[in-house]
Amino acid sequence: MTLVARLYQTEFIRSARAVGMLWAVCTLCFAVIEVVILIQPSWVGTRELHYRGGGPAPPTGTLGLFEVCMEMDWPVPECRGSLHTLTPLPAFQSPAVLVCMSLTMVWASVGCLCLFRFCNAATVYKICAWLQLTAGFCLVLACVLFPDSWACAEMRALCGEGVSSFSPGNCSVHWAYILAMLGVLDAGILATLAFVLGNRQDALLPEDTKDGDGKCCTYSYIQICLYLTY
């Protein structure tokens, strides 16, 4: 192995290690975002309307998978639902189950980070990639089924009688639903990056060079054998 090849391989190892650590941090951040998406009652909220009097004021508040929060005279909104028991609103059971499945897949990929110390790095990357891809698919289905379930009593009480599937009436989507859609993109990027890192790990060192005279260099997330020729 020439000096130029050794320098190139060393630089590649450092770059792969840095990208792998960045991917692991982003995976952990995505797992936290999934928790926020699940529990926040801000998937849908009322629009800002100009009330002119002459009747009861229209309700204002927000709605999530588990709670409906109405803004009252008190500083804290009055929320109805079962977040503490993780019982979703009847109309949004399917989206809630899908988000829970997505959350489970993402946290499973976070748990797989511990396997880098004991297993082949390429295999671990690919396992995490499939878990993140599954999480993104579940999140896509949740984002589609959620507006399809808007024709329910909770939405009509908050957003008026003009509510129907994919038509929120006097409401609009809020930041939690937008965050869920961005989570789909995040899952796709992380899964793609994990597949790339896994394939690079496979191509980094051929199998027939693992049983020779060499020095083994162990990194936090990447384990490879770098052969030095004197």
C-alpha atoms as a PDB file:
ATOM      1  CA  MET A   1       0.000   0.000   0.000  1.00  0.00           C
ATOM      2  CA  THR A   2       1.498   3.311  -1.044  1.00  0.00           C
ATOM      3  CA  LEU A   3       1.752   6.364   1.185  1.00  0.00           C
ATOM      4  CA  VAL A   4      -0.923   8.190  -0.825  1.00  0.00           C
ATOM      5  CA  ALA A   5      -3.337   5.278  -0.409  1.00  0.00           C
ATOM      6  CA  ARG A   6      -2.719   5.136   3.334  1.00  0.00           C
ATOM      7  CA  LEU A   7      -3.348   8.868   3.688  1.00  0.00           C
ATOM      8  CA  TYR A   8      -6.521   8.634   1.619  1.00  0.00           C
ATOM      9  CA  GLN A   9      -7.848   5.738   3.690  1.00  0.00           C
ATOM     10  CA  THR A  10      -7.050   7.521   6.948  1.00  0.00           C
ATOM     11  CA  GLU A  11      -8.880  10.645   5.753  1.00  0.00           C
ATOM     12  CA  PHE A  12     -11.841   8.508   4.684  1.00  0.00           C
ATOM     13  CA  ILE A  13     -11.969   6.873   8.104  1.00  0.00           C
ATOM     14  CA  ARG A  14     -12.026  10.236   9.863  1.00  0.00           C
ATOM     15  CA  SER A  15     -14.770  11.559   7.591  1.00  0.00           C
ATOM     16  CA  ALA A  16     -16.878   8.421   8.024  1.00  0.00           C
ATOM     17  CA  ARG A  17     -16.512   8.616  11.775  1.00  0.00           C
ATOM     18  CA  ALA A  18     -17.588  12.298  11.839  1.00  0.00           C
ATOM     19  CA  VAL A  19     -20.602  11.662   9.591  1.00  0.00           C
ATOM     20  CA  GLY A  20     -21.549   8.635  11.694  1.00  0.00           C
ATOM     21  CA  MET A  21     -21.489  10.652  14.893  1.00  0.00           C
ATOM     22  CA  LEU A  22     -23.570  13.398  13.253  1.00  0.00           C
ATOM     23  CA  TRP A  23     -26.084  10.785  12.092  1.00  0.00           C
ATOM     24  CA  ALA A  24     -26.314   9.361  15.628  1.00  0.00           C
ATOM     25  CA  VAL A  25     -26.962  12.816  17.133  1.00  0.00           C
ATOM     26  CA  CYS A  26     -29.627  13.572  14.516  1.00  0.00           C
ATOM     27  CA  THR A  27     -31.255  10.201  15.208  1.00  0.00           C
ATOM     28  CA  LEU A  28     -31.490  11.047  18.905  1.00  0.00           C
ATOM     29  CA  CYS A  29     -32.952  14.480  18.096  1.00  0.00           C
ATOM     30  CA  PHE A  30     -35.494  12.866  15.773  1.00  0.00           C
ATOM     31  CA  ALA A  31     -36.558  10.515  18.584  1.00  0.00           C
ATOM     32  CA  VAL A  32     -37.202  13.502  20.863  1.00  0.00           C
ATOM     33  CA  ILE A  33     -39.158  15.245  18.089  1.00  0.00           C
ATOM     34  CA  GLU A  34     -41.337  12.143  17.728  1.00  0.00           C
ATOM     35  CA  VAL A  35     -42.287  12.363  21.422  1.00  0.00           C
ATOM     36  CA  VAL A  36     -43.264  16.019  20.964  1.00  0.00           C
ATOM     37  CA  ILE A  37     -45.336  15.163  17.879  1.00  0.00           C
ATOM     38  CA  LEU A  38     -47.214  12.471  19.772  1.00  0.00           C
ATOM     39  CA  ILE A  39     -48.151  14.330  22.946  1.00  0.00           C
ATOM     40  CA  GLN A  40     -48.640  17.934  21.815  1.00  0.00           C
ATOM     41  CA  PRO A  41     -52.317  19.013  21.343  1.00  0.00           C
ATOM     42  CA  SER A  42     -51.352  21.358  18.506  1.00  0.00           C
ATOM     43  CA  TRP A  43     -52.080  19.424  15.345  1.00  0.00           C
ATOM     44  CA  VAL A  44     -55.053  21.667  14.528  1.00  0.00           C
ATOM     45  CA  GLY A  45     -56.019  25.074  15.916  1.00  0.00           C
ATOM     46  CA  THR A  46     -58.658  27.729  15.371  1.00  0.00           C
ATOM     47  CA  ARG A  47     -57.938  30.592  13.034  1.00  0.00           C
ATOM     48  CA  GLU A  48     -57.854  34.176  14.209  1.00  0.00           C
ATOM     49  CA  LEU A  49     -61.377  35.477  13.606  1.00  0.00           C
ATOM     50  CA  HIS A  50     -62.683  39.023  14.033  1.00  0.00           C
ATOM     51  CA  TYR A  51     -65.677  38.689  16.350  1.00  0.00           C
ATOM     52  CA  ARG A  52     -68.215  41.540  15.982  1.00  0.00           C
ATOM     53  CA  GLY A  53     -70.633  40.515  18.713  1.00  0.00           C
ATOM     54  CA  GLY A  54     -74.309  39.739  18.335  1.00  0.00           C
ATOM     55  CA  GLY A  55     -74.046  36.181  19.581  1.00  0.00           C
ATOM     56  CA  PRO A  56     -71.844  33.745  21.425  1.00  0.00           C
ATOM     57  CA  ALA A  57     -68.168  34.047  20.605  1.00  0.00           C
ATOM     58  CA  PRO A  58     -66.792  31.182  18.518  1.00  0.00           C
ATOM     59  CA  PRO A  59     -64.601  28.774  20.470  1.00  0.00           C
ATOM     60  CA  THR A  60     -60.848  29.035  20.252  1.00  0.00           C
ATOM     61  CA  GLY A  61     -58.309  26.368  21.021  1.00  0.00           C
ATOM     62  CA  THR A  62     -56.188  23.545  19.659  1.00  0.00           C
ATOM     63  CA  LEU A  63     -56.565  19.822  19.085  1.00  0.00           C
ATOM     64  CA  GLY A  64     -54.140  16.909  19.059  1.00  0.00           C
ATOM     65  CA  LEU A  65     -54.268  13.146  18.965  1.00  0.00           C
ATOM     66  CA  PHE A  66     -55.069  12.842  22.670  1.00  0.00           C
ATOM     67  CA  GLU A  67     -56.508  16.176  23.844  1.00  0.00           C
ATOM     68  CA  VAL A  68     -58.741  19.077  22.875  1.00  0.00           C
ATOM     69  CA  CYS A  69     -57.700  22.312  24.591  1.00  0.00           C
ATOM     70  CA  MET A  70     -60.152  25.223  24.706  1.00  0.00           C
ATOM     71  CA  GLU A  71     -58.999  28.730  25.579  1.00  0.00           C
ATOM     72  CA  MET A  72     -61.066  30.071  28.471  1.00  0.00           C
ATOM     73  CA  ASP A  73     -60.862  33.142  30.712  1.00  0.00           C
ATOM     74  CA  TRP A  74     -58.182  31.363  32.740  1.00  0.00           C
ATOM     75  CA  PRO A  75     -54.539  31.757  31.707  1.00  0.00           C
ATOM     76  CA  VAL A  76     -54.234  27.977  31.265  1.00  0.00           C
ATOM     77  CA  PRO A  77     -56.386  26.350  28.526  1.00  0.00           C
ATOM     78  CA  GLU A  78     -58.940  23.776  29.596  1.00  0.00           C
ATOM     79  CA  CYS A  79     -57.944  20.449  28.064  1.00  0.00           C
ATOM     80  CA  ARG A  80     -60.192  17.429  27.636  1.00  0.00           C
ATOM     81  CA  GLY A  81     -58.751  14.037  26.822  1.00  0.00           C
ATOM     82  CA  SER A  82     -56.677  11.198  28.202  1.00  0.00           C
ATOM     83  CA  LEU A  83     -53.031  12.057  27.647  1.00  0.00           C
ATOM     84  CA  HIS A  84     -51.984  10.586  30.995  1.00  0.00           C
ATOM     85  CA  THR A  85     -53.413   7.183  30.083  1.00  0.00           C
ATOM     86  CA  LEU A  86     -52.317   7.537  26.430  1.00  0.00           C
ATOM     87  CA  THR A  87     -55.887   7.006  25.235  1.00  0.00           C
ATOM     88  CA  PRO A  88     -56.324   8.833  21.909  1.00  0.00           C
ATOM     89  CA  LEU A  89     -59.453  10.653  20.871  1.00  0.00           C
ATOM     90  CA  PRO A  90     -61.881   8.152  19.289  1.00  0.00           C
ATOM     91  CA  ALA A  91     -61.655   9.691  15.820  1.00  0.00           C
ATOM     92  CA  PHE A  92     -57.846   9.732  15.818  1.00  0.00           C
ATOM     93  CA  GLN A  93     -57.033   6.251  17.091  1.00  0.00           C
ATOM     94  CA  SER A  94     -55.464   5.116  13.822  1.00  0.00           C
ATOM     95  CA  PRO A  95     -53.121   8.132  13.447  1.00  0.00           C
ATOM     96  CA  ALA A  96     -52.167   7.842  17.123  1.00  0.00           C
ATOM     97  CA  VAL A  97     -51.294   4.150  16.776  1.00  0.00           C
ATOM     98  CA  LEU A  98     -49.201   4.875  13.683  1.00  0.00           C
ATOM     99  CA  VAL A  99     -47.309   7.687  15.429  1.00  0.00           C
ATOM    100  CA  CYS A 100     -46.701   5.354  18.389  1.00  0.00           C
ATOM    101  CA  MET A 101     -45.329   2.720  16.012  1.00  0.00           C
ATOM    102  CA  SER A 102     -43.110   5.322  14.374  1.00  0.00           C
ATOM    103  CA  LEU A 103     -41.902   6.454  17.793  1.00  0.00           C
ATOM    104  CA  THR A 104     -41.095   2.846  18.747  1.00  0.00           C
ATOM    105  CA  MET A 105     -39.082   2.313  15.559  1.00  0.00           C
ATOM    106  CA  VAL A 106     -37.061   5.484  16.075  1.00  0.00           C
ATOM    107  CA  TRP A 107     -36.239   4.711  19.711  1.00  0.00           C
ATOM    108  CA  ALA A 108     -35.322   1.164  18.660  1.00  0.00           C
ATOM    109  CA  SER A 109     -32.792   2.668  16.238  1.00  0.00           C
ATOM    110  CA  VAL A 110     -31.443   4.796  19.090  1.00  0.00           C
ATOM    111  CA  GLY A 111     -31.064   1.650  21.191  1.00  0.00           C
ATOM    112  CA  CYS A 112     -29.194  -0.019  18.329  1.00  0.00           C
ATOM    113  CA  LEU A 113     -26.424   2.572  18.704  1.00  0.00           C
ATOM    114  CA  CYS A 114     -25.151   0.489  21.620  1.00  0.00           C
ATOM    115  CA  LEU A 115     -24.558  -2.415  19.225  1.00  0.00           C
ATOM    116  CA  PHE A 116     -21.700  -0.615  17.500  1.00  0.00           C
ATOM    117  CA  ARG A 117     -19.442  -1.788  20.325  1.00  0.00           C
ATOM    118  CA  PHE A 118     -20.279  -5.450  19.808  1.00  0.00           C
ATOM    119  CA  CYS A 119     -21.466  -5.982  16.218  1.00  0.00           C
ATOM    120  CA  ASN A 120     -20.346  -5.231  12.704  1.00  0.00           C
ATOM    121  CA  ALA A 121     -20.880  -1.538  12.029  1.00  0.00           C
ATOM    122  CA  ALA A 122     -22.267  -2.056   8.518  1.00  0.00           C
ATOM    123  CA  THR A 123     -24.948  -4.436   9.828  1.00  0.00           C
ATOM    124  CA  VAL A 124     -25.965  -2.021  12.588  1.00  0.00           C
ATOM    125  CA  TYR A 125     -26.235   0.876  10.152  1.00  0.00           C
ATOM    126  CA  LYS A 126     -28.500  -1.152   7.881  1.00  0.00           C
ATOM    127  CA  ILE A 127     -30.712  -2.295  10.759  1.00  0.00           C
ATOM    128  CA  CYS A 128     -31.111   1.333  11.873  1.00  0.00           C
ATOM    129  CA  ALA A 129     -31.822   2.387   8.287  1.00  0.00           C
ATOM    130  CA  TRP A 130     -34.712  -0.086   7.970  1.00  0.00           C
ATOM    131  CA  LEU A 131     -36.092   0.947  11.354  1.00  0.00           C
ATOM    132  CA  GLN A 132     -35.995   4.632  10.365  1.00  0.00           C
ATOM    133  CA  LEU A 133     -37.524   3.877   6.981  1.00  0.00           C
ATOM    134  CA  THR A 134     -40.384   2.045   8.703  1.00  0.00           C
ATOM    135  CA  ALA A 135     -40.809   4.968  11.111  1.00  0.00           C
ATOM    136  CA  GLY A 136     -41.082   7.391   8.213  1.00  0.00           C
ATOM    137  CA  PHE A 137     -43.651   5.185   6.451  1.00  0.00           C
ATOM    138  CA  CYS A 138     -45.810   5.032   9.602  1.00  0.00           C
ATOM    139  CA  LEU A 139     -45.559   8.810   9.961  1.00  0.00           C
ATOM    140  CA  VAL A 140     -46.665   9.302   6.346  1.00  0.00           C
ATOM    141  CA  LEU A 141     -49.760   7.181   6.954  1.00  0.00           C
ATOM    142  CA  ALA A 142     -50.521   9.115  10.154  1.00  0.00           C
ATOM    143  CA  CYS A 143     -50.263  12.452   8.314  1.00  0.00           C
ATOM    144  CA  VAL A 144     -52.696  11.182   5.657  1.00  0.00           C
ATOM    145  CA  LEU A 145     -55.214   9.564   8.012  1.00  0.00           C
ATOM    146  CA  PHE A 146     -55.344  12.524  10.409  1.00  0.00           C
ATOM    147  CA  PRO A 147     -57.109  14.992   8.042  1.00  0.00           C
ATOM    148  CA  ASP A 148     -59.264  12.136   6.743  1.00  0.00           C
ATOM    149  CA  SER A 149     -60.675  11.836  10.314  1.00  0.00           C
ATOM    150  CA  TRP A 150     -61.656  15.488  10.729  1.00  0.00           C
ATOM    151  CA  ALA A 151     -65.395  14.833  10.328  1.00  0.00           C
ATOM    152  CA  CYS A 152     -65.842  14.071  14.026  1.00  0.00           C
ATOM    153  CA  ALA A 153     -67.607  15.613  17.022  1.00  0.00           C
ATOM    154  CA  GLU A 154     -64.414  17.039  18.547  1.00  0.00           C
ATOM    155  CA  MET A 155     -63.502  18.891  15.362  1.00  0.00           C
ATOM    156  CA  ARG A 156     -67.052  20.215  14.877  1.00  0.00           C
ATOM    157  CA  ALA A 157     -67.145  21.539  18.452  1.00  0.00           C
ATOM    158  CA  LEU A 158     -63.880  23.398  17.898  1.00  0.00           C
ATOM    159  CA  CYS A 159     -63.961  24.340  14.224  1.00  0.00           C
ATOM    160  CA  GLY A 160     -67.659  24.678  13.392  1.00  0.00           C
ATOM    161  CA  GLU A 161     -70.129  22.683  11.349  1.00  0.00           C
ATOM    162  CA  GLY A 162     -68.233  23.288   8.115  1.00  0.00           C
ATOM    163  CA  VAL A 163     -65.710  20.596   9.022  1.00  0.00           C
ATOM    164  CA  SER A 164     -65.330  17.578   6.747  1.00  0.00           C
ATOM    165  CA  SER A 165     -62.567  15.219   5.678  1.00  0.00           C
ATOM    166  CA  PHE A 166     -59.532  17.268   4.554  1.00  0.00           C
ATOM    167  CA  SER A 167     -61.508  20.483   5.262  1.00  0.00           C
ATOM    168  CA  PRO A 168     -60.850  21.936   8.752  1.00  0.00           C
ATOM    169  CA  GLY A 169     -63.599  24.571   8.668  1.00  0.00           C
ATOM    170  CA  ASN A 170     -62.670  27.502  10.904  1.00  0.00           C
ATOM    171  CA  CYS A 171     -59.385  25.841  11.891  1.00  0.00           C
ATOM    172  CA  SER A 172     -56.006  25.320  10.284  1.00  0.00           C
ATOM    173  CA  VAL A 173     -53.136  22.914  10.753  1.00  0.00           C
ATOM    174  CA  HIS A 174     -50.732  23.924  13.510  1.00  0.00           C
ATOM    175  CA  TRP A 175     -47.043  23.372  14.161  1.00  0.00           C
ATOM    176  CA  ALA A 176     -47.264  19.790  15.508  1.00  0.00           C
ATOM    177  CA  TYR A 177     -48.777  18.513  12.258  1.00  0.00           C
ATOM    178  CA  ILE A 178     -46.193  20.455  10.238  1.00  0.00           C
ATOM    179  CA  LEU A 179     -43.486  18.994  12.468  1.00  0.00           C
ATOM    180  CA  ALA A 180     -44.849  15.512  11.721  1.00  0.00           C
ATOM    181  CA  MET A 181     -44.558  16.153   7.982  1.00  0.00           C
ATOM    182  CA  LEU A 182     -41.004  17.404   8.449  1.00  0.00           C
ATOM    183  CA  GLY A 183     -40.356  14.247  10.482  1.00  0.00           C
ATOM    184  CA  VAL A 184     -41.156  12.191   7.373  1.00  0.00           C
ATOM    185  CA  LEU A 185     -38.427  14.051   5.491  1.00  0.00           C
ATOM    186  CA  ASP A 186     -36.057  13.665   8.436  1.00  0.00           C
ATOM    187  CA  ALA A 187     -36.668   9.903   8.580  1.00  0.00           C
ATOM    188  CA  GLY A 188     -35.981   9.566   4.856  1.00  0.00           C
ATOM    189  CA  ILE A 189     -32.718  11.513   5.089  1.00  0.00           C
ATOM    190  CA  LEU A 190     -31.492   9.576   8.137  1.00  0.00           C
ATOM    191  CA  ALA A 191     -32.379   6.204   6.590  1.00  0.00           C
ATOM    192  CA  THR A 192     -30.626   7.100   3.327  1.00  0.00           C
ATOM    193  CA  LEU A 193     -27.538   8.257   5.199  1.00  0.00           C
ATOM    194  CA  ALA A 194     -27.516   5.053   7.271  1.00  0.00           C
ATOM    195  CA  PHE A 195     -27.683   2.922   4.107  1.00  0.00           C
ATOM    196  CA  VAL A 196     -24.801   4.904   2.579  1.00  0.00           C
ATOM    197  CA  LEU A 197     -22.676   4.555   5.717  1.00  0.00           C
ATOM    198  CA  GLY A 198     -23.438   0.837   5.894  1.00  0.00           C
ATOM    199  CA  ASN A 199     -22.428   0.278   2.267  1.00  0.00           C
ATOM    200  CA  ARG A 200     -19.259   2.324   2.751  1.00  0.00           C
ATOM    201  CA  GLN A 201     -18.369   0.183   5.756  1.00  0.00           C
ATOM    202  CA  ASP A 202     -18.759  -2.954   3.629  1.00  0.00           C
ATOM    203  CA  ALA A 203     -16.500  -1.527   0.913  1.00  0.00           C
ATOM    204  CA  LEU A 204     -13.904  -0.091   3.264  1.00  0.00           C
ATOM    205  CA  LEU A 205     -11.974  -3.284   3.895  1.00  0.00           C
ATOM    206  CA  PRO A 206     -12.174  -6.519   1.884  1.00  0.00           C
ATOM    207  CA  GLU A 207     -12.898  -9.741   3.741  1.00  0.00           C
ATOM    208  CA  ASP A 208      -9.661 -11.417   2.683  1.00  0.00           C
ATOM    209  CA  THR A 209      -7.550  -8.749   4.384  1.00  0.00           C
ATOM    210  CA  LYS A 210      -8.980  -9.279   7.866  1.00  0.00           C
ATOM    211  CA  ASP A 211      -6.575 -12.161   8.689  1.00  0.00           C
ATOM    212  CA  GLY A 212      -3.205 -10.608   8.125  1.00  0.00           C
ATOM    213  CA  ASP A 213      -0.504  -8.659   9.859  1.00  0.00           C
ATOM    214  CA  GLY A 214      -2.146  -5.400  10.705  1.00  0.00           C
ATOM    215  CA  LYS A 215      -3.139  -3.044  13.403  1.00  0.00           C
ATOM    216  CA  CYS A 216      -6.753  -2.787  14.469  1.00  0.00           C
ATOM    217  CA  CYS A 217      -8.104   0.692  15.096  1.00  0.00           C
ATOM    218  CA  THR A 218     -11.373   0.864  17.059  1.00  0.00           C
ATOM    219  CA  TYR A 219     -13.585   3.942  16.874  1.00  0.00           C
ATOM    220  CA  SER A 220     -16.772   4.843  18.725  1.00  0.00           C
ATOM    221  CA  TYR A 221     -19.090   3.926  15.911  1.00  0.00           C
ATOM    222  CA  ILE A 222     -16.790   2.414  13.282  1.00  0.00           C
ATOM    223  CA  GLN A 223     -14.553  -0.616  13.684  1.00  0.00           C
ATOM    224  CA  ILE A 224     -12.090  -1.251  10.865  1.00  0.00           C
ATOM    225  CA  CYS A 225      -8.629  -2.691  10.401  1.00  0.00           C
ATOM    226  CA  LEU A 226      -6.066  -0.364   8.862  1.00  0.00           C
ATOM    227  CA  TYR A 227      -3.111  -2.185   7.357  1.00  0.00           C
ATOM    228  CA  LEU A 228       0.249  -0.509   7.376  1.00  0.00           C
ATOM    229  CA  THR A 229       2.994  -1.685   5.050  1.00  0.00           C
ATOM    230  CA  TYR A 230       6.520  -0.886   6.101  1.00  0.00           C
END
